[in-house]
C-alpha atoms as a PDB file:
ATOM      1  CA  MET A   1     271.461 111.737-294.211  1.00  0.00           C
ATOM      2  CA  SER A   2     268.948 110.580-291.300  1.00  0.00           C
ATOM      3  CA  ARG A   3     266.986 113.338-289.787  1.00  0.00           C
ATOM      4  CA  LYS A   4     264.791 113.786-286.840  1.00  0.00           C
ATOM      5  CA  THR A   5     260.931 113.579-288.088  1.00  0.00           C
ATOM      6  CA  ILE A   6     259.337 116.440-285.712  1.00  0.00           C
ATOM      7  CA  SER A   7     255.646 115.137-284.989  1.00  0.00           C
ATOM      8  CA  GLU A   8     253.434 118.046-283.554  1.00  0.00           C
ATOM      9  CA  GLN A   9     251.406 116.224-280.892  1.00  0.00           C
ATOM     10  CA  ASP A  10     249.434 117.248-277.887  1.00  0.00           C
ATOM     11  CA  ASN A  11     251.232 117.893-275.050  1.00  0.00           C
ATOM     12  CA  GLN A  12     248.180 118.005-273.267  1.00  0.00           C
ATOM     13  CA  VAL A  13     247.439 114.316-273.951  1.00  0.00           C
ATOM     14  CA  THR A  14     248.772 111.910-270.757  1.00  0.00           C
ATOM     15  CA  LEU A  15     248.092 108.870-269.537  1.00  0.00           C
ATOM     16  CA  PHE A  16     246.044 110.173-266.878  1.00  0.00           C
ATOM     17  CA  THR A  17     243.940 112.073-268.808  1.00  0.00           C
ATOM     18  CA  GLU A  18     243.169 109.074-271.260  1.00  0.00           C
ATOM     19  CA  LEU A  19     242.302 106.888-268.310  1.00  0.00           C
ATOM     20  CA  ARG A  20     240.234 109.615-266.912  1.00  0.00           C
ATOM     21  CA  LYS A  21     238.174 109.648-270.227  1.00  0.00           C
ATOM     22  CA  GLU A  22     237.958 106.375-270.804  1.00  0.00           C
ATOM     23  CA  PHE A  23     236.482 105.393-267.079  1.00  0.00           C
ATOM     24  CA  ALA A  24     234.673 109.117-266.055  1.00  0.00           C
ATOM     25  CA  GLY A  25     231.703 107.200-265.816  1.00  0.00           C
ATOM     26  CA  TYR A  26     233.076 104.527-263.319  1.00  0.00           C
ATOM     27  CA  PHE A  27     234.955 107.488-261.227  1.00  0.00           C
ATOM     28  CA  ALA A  28     231.864 109.551-261.086  1.00  0.00           C
ATOM     29  CA  LEU A  29     229.917 106.510-259.713  1.00  0.00           C
ATOM     30  CA  LEU A  30     232.633 105.684-257.380  1.00  0.00           C
ATOM     31  CA  SER A  31     232.758 108.774-256.379  1.00  0.00           C
ATOM     32  CA  GLN A  32     229.077 109.325-255.986  1.00  0.00           C
ATOM     33  CA  ARG A  33     228.880 106.194-253.846  1.00  0.00           C
ATOM     34  CA  ARG A  34     231.897 107.432-251.695  1.00  0.00           C
ATOM     35  CA  ASN A  35     229.610 110.691-250.765  1.00  0.00           C
ATOM     36  CA  GLN A  36     226.549 108.765-249.742  1.00  0.00           C
ATOM     37  CA  PHE A  37     228.243 106.348-247.540  1.00  0.00           C
ATOM     38  CA  LEU A  38     230.040 109.187-245.924  1.00  0.00           C
ATOM     39  CA  GLN A  39     227.105 111.052-245.591  1.00  0.00           C
ATOM     40  CA  ARG A  40     224.913 107.836-244.402  1.00  0.00           C
ATOM     41  CA  TYR A  41     227.574 106.937-241.744  1.00  0.00           C
ATOM     42  CA  PRO A  42     229.748 109.736-240.556  1.00  0.00           C
ATOM     43  CA  ARG A  43     230.440 108.687-237.079  1.00  0.00           C
ATOM     44  CA  GLN A  44     231.125 105.369-237.944  1.00  0.00           C
ATOM     45  CA  VAL A  45     233.644 106.357-240.542  1.00  0.00           C
ATOM     46  CA  PHE A  46     235.300 109.110-238.096  1.00  0.00           C
ATOM     47  CA  THR A  47     235.900 106.295-235.283  1.00  0.00           C
ATOM     48  CA  GLY A  48     237.187 104.098-237.987  1.00  0.00           C
ATOM     49  CA  MET A  49     239.723 107.003-238.289  1.00  0.00           C
ATOM     50  CA  LEU A  50     240.835 107.462-235.282  1.00  0.00           C
ATOM     51  CA  ILE A  51     240.933 103.738-234.237  1.00  0.00           C
ATOM     52  CA  CYS A  52     243.284 103.462-237.096  1.00  0.00           C
ATOM     53  CA  LEU A  53     245.602 106.543-235.990  1.00  0.00           C
ATOM     54  CA  VAL A  54     245.469 105.045-232.448  1.00  0.00           C
ATOM     55  CA  THR A  55     246.282 101.491-233.655  1.00  0.00           C
ATOM     56  CA  SER A  56     249.127 103.136-235.718  1.00  0.00           C
ATOM     57  CA  VAL A  57     250.583 104.979-232.450  1.00  0.00           C
ATOM     58  CA  VAL A  58     250.637 101.968-230.532  1.00  0.00           C
ATOM     59  CA  LEU A  59     252.327  99.993-233.211  1.00  0.00           C
ATOM     60  CA  ALA A  60     255.108 102.698-233.724  1.00  0.00           C
ATOM     61  CA  PHE A  61     256.039 102.843-230.116  1.00  0.00           C
ATOM     62  CA  SER A  62     255.897  98.797-229.447  1.00  0.00           C
ATOM     63  CA  VAL A  63     255.725  96.508-231.937  1.00  0.00           C
ATOM     64  CA  MET A  64     257.629  98.663-234.706  1.00  0.00           C
ATOM     65  CA  ARG A  65     260.230  99.766-232.692  1.00  0.00           C
ATOM     66  CA  GLN A  66     263.919  98.235-233.754  1.00  0.00           C
ATOM     67  CA  LYS A  67     265.771  96.964-231.133  1.00  0.00           C
ATOM     68  CA  LYS A  68     269.717  98.358-231.298  1.00  0.00           C
ATOM     69  CA  VAL A  69     271.957  95.729-232.723  1.00  0.00           C
ATOM     70  CA  SER A  70     275.099  95.730-230.442  1.00  0.00           C
ATOM     71  CA  THR A  71     278.148  95.221-232.947  1.00  0.00           C
ATOM     72  CA  PRO A  72     280.928  93.494-231.799  1.00  0.00           C
ATOM     73  CA  SER A  73     283.995  95.728-230.649  1.00  0.00           C
ATOM     74  CA  GLY A  74     286.419  95.266-233.378  1.00  0.00           C
ATOM     75  CA  VAL A  75     283.638  96.808-235.783  1.00  0.00           C
ATOM     76  CA  GLY A  76     282.684  99.291-233.973  1.00  0.00           C
ATOM     77  CA  LYS A  77     286.531 100.694-232.966  1.00  0.00           C
ATOM     78  CA  ALA A  78     286.750 100.788-236.953  1.00  0.00           C
ATOM     79  CA  GLY A  79     283.608 102.194-237.267  1.00  0.00           C
ATOM     80  CA  ALA A  80     284.931 105.058-235.158  1.00  0.00           C
ATOM     81  CA  GLU A  81     288.116 105.662-235.982  1.00  0.00           C
ATOM     82  CA  MET A  82     286.423 105.995-239.764  1.00  0.00           C
ATOM     83  CA  ALA A  83     284.082 108.265-238.707  1.00  0.00           C
ATOM     84  CA  SER A  84     286.866 109.912-236.833  1.00  0.00           C
ATOM     85  CA  GLY A  85     288.687 109.972-239.887  1.00  0.00           C
ATOM     86  CA  LEU A  86     285.802 111.665-242.268  1.00  0.00           C
ATOM     87  CA  GLY A  87     285.428 114.323-239.297  1.00  0.00           C
ATOM     88  CA  GLN A  88     289.124 115.218-239.693  1.00  0.00           C
ATOM     89  CA  ILE A  89     288.719 115.220-243.362  1.00  0.00           C
ATOM     90  CA  LEU A  90     285.849 117.575-243.296  1.00  0.00           C
ATOM     91  CA  ASN A  91     287.605 119.816-240.923  1.00  0.00           C
ATOM     92  CA  THR A  92     290.468 120.171-242.796  1.00  0.00           C
ATOM     93  CA  GLY A  93     288.579 120.872-245.816  1.00  0.00           C
ATOM     94  CA  THR A  94     286.528 123.613-243.974  1.00  0.00           C
ATOM     95  CA  ALA A  95     290.005 125.106-242.478  1.00  0.00           C
ATOM     96  CA  LEU A  96     291.642 125.097-246.366  1.00  0.00           C
ATOM     97  CA  LYS A  97     288.314 126.941-247.556  1.00  0.00           C
ATOM     98  CA  GLU A  98     289.110 129.764-244.407  1.00  0.00           C
ATOM     99  CA  VAL A  99     293.161 129.909-245.584  1.00  0.00           C
ATOM    100  CA  LEU A 100     292.280 130.700-249.065  1.00  0.00           C
ATOM    101  CA  GLU A 101     289.571 133.214-248.248  1.00  0.00           C
ATOM    102  CA  LEU A 102     292.004 134.630-245.813  1.00  0.00           C
ATOM    103  CA  GLN A 103     294.853 134.732-248.274  1.00  0.00           C
ATOM    104  CA  SER A 104     292.589 136.345-250.758  1.00  0.00           C
ATOM    105  CA  GLN A 105     291.476 139.228-248.098  1.00  0.00           C
ATOM    106  CA  VAL A 106     295.090 139.501-247.421  1.00  0.00           C
ATOM    107  CA  GLU A 107     296.360 139.819-251.378  1.00  0.00           C
ATOM    108  CA  ILE A 108     293.532 142.132-251.866  1.00  0.00           C
ATOM    109  CA  ILE A 109     294.793 144.665-248.982  1.00  0.00           C
ATOM    110  CA  LEU A 110     298.528 144.191-250.102  1.00  0.00           C
ATOM    111  CA  LYS A 111     297.817 145.345-253.493  1.00  0.00           C
ATOM    112  CA  LYS A 112     296.820 148.819-252.433  1.00  0.00           C
ATOM    113  CA  ASP A 113     299.198 151.677-252.668  1.00  0.00           C
ATOM    114  CA  SER A 114     299.203 152.753-249.294  1.00  0.00           C
ATOM    115  CA  LEU A 115     297.521 151.047-245.928  1.00  0.00           C
ATOM    116  CA  ASN A 116     295.488 152.637-243.364  1.00  0.00           C
ATOM    117  CA  GLN A 117     294.943 151.948-239.833  1.00  0.00           C
ATOM    118  CA  ALA A 118     291.962 149.632-240.740  1.00  0.00           C
ATOM    119  CA  ASP A 119     294.062 147.599-243.129  1.00  0.00           C
ATOM    120  CA  SER A 120     296.971 147.166-240.670  1.00  0.00           C
ATOM    121  CA  LEU A 121     294.326 145.390-238.212  1.00  0.00           C
ATOM    122  CA  LEU A 122     292.510 143.610-240.925  1.00  0.00           C
ATOM    123  CA  LEU A 123     295.948 141.734-241.854  1.00  0.00           C
ATOM    124  CA  GLU A 124     296.871 141.592-237.978  1.00  0.00           C
ATOM    125  CA  ALA A 125     293.413 139.562-237.733  1.00  0.00           C
ATOM    126  CA  ALA A 126     294.207 137.928-240.696  1.00  0.00           C
ATOM    127  CA  PHE A 127     297.875 136.732-239.750  1.00  0.00           C
ATOM    128  CA  ASP A 128     296.586 135.572-236.413  1.00  0.00           C
ATOM    129  CA  ARG A 129     293.677 133.615-237.686  1.00  0.00           C
ATOM    130  CA  LEU A 130     295.809 131.681-239.711  1.00  0.00           C
ATOM    131  CA  GLU A 131     298.363 131.244-237.143  1.00  0.00           C
ATOM    132  CA  PHE A 132     295.540 129.659-235.018  1.00  0.00           C
ATOM    133  CA  ILE A 133     294.174 127.525-237.888  1.00  0.00           C
ATOM    134  CA  ASN A 134     297.995 126.132-238.558  1.00  0.00           C
ATOM    135  CA  LYS A 135     298.172 125.234-235.003  1.00  0.00           C
ATOM    136  CA  LYS A 136     294.851 123.342-234.644  1.00  0.00           C
ATOM    137  CA  LEU A 137     295.494 121.247-237.817  1.00  0.00           C
ATOM    138  CA  ASN A 138     299.409 120.617-236.693  1.00  0.00           C
ATOM    139  CA  PRO A 139     299.425 120.085-232.987  1.00  0.00           C
ATOM    140  CA  LYS A 140     302.506 120.015-231.284  1.00  0.00           C
ATOM    141  CA  PRO A 141     302.875 116.416-229.336  1.00  0.00           C
END
């Protein structure tokens, strides 16, 4: 019943272009004044820039430096346990990805009609790696 009306708009018209058209005289005057000021006082402008940079460096390394907030031991322990748990999750995910890759390699090798010496070495290396991952994820107490 209702259809979207397609209007052919000029895609080149943007807010910036319209503002530029409207205030072009002011922008030109401002640019001209800026250039005159920079040509008239180049040393003062350069000195001002250097003062701003030095002030910024001094503030960054003194006043703006954030102090380390000490956390209570209970919160720190819980945070450390949580970080440790997240690390274990990431390690397990990485190990699972590697196991799946090794499984696909083993399946490809086993689908061959005949195995050569290189295939046997690849299978042995894959099984050794799987065993290592298993020991790493399931340590015996």
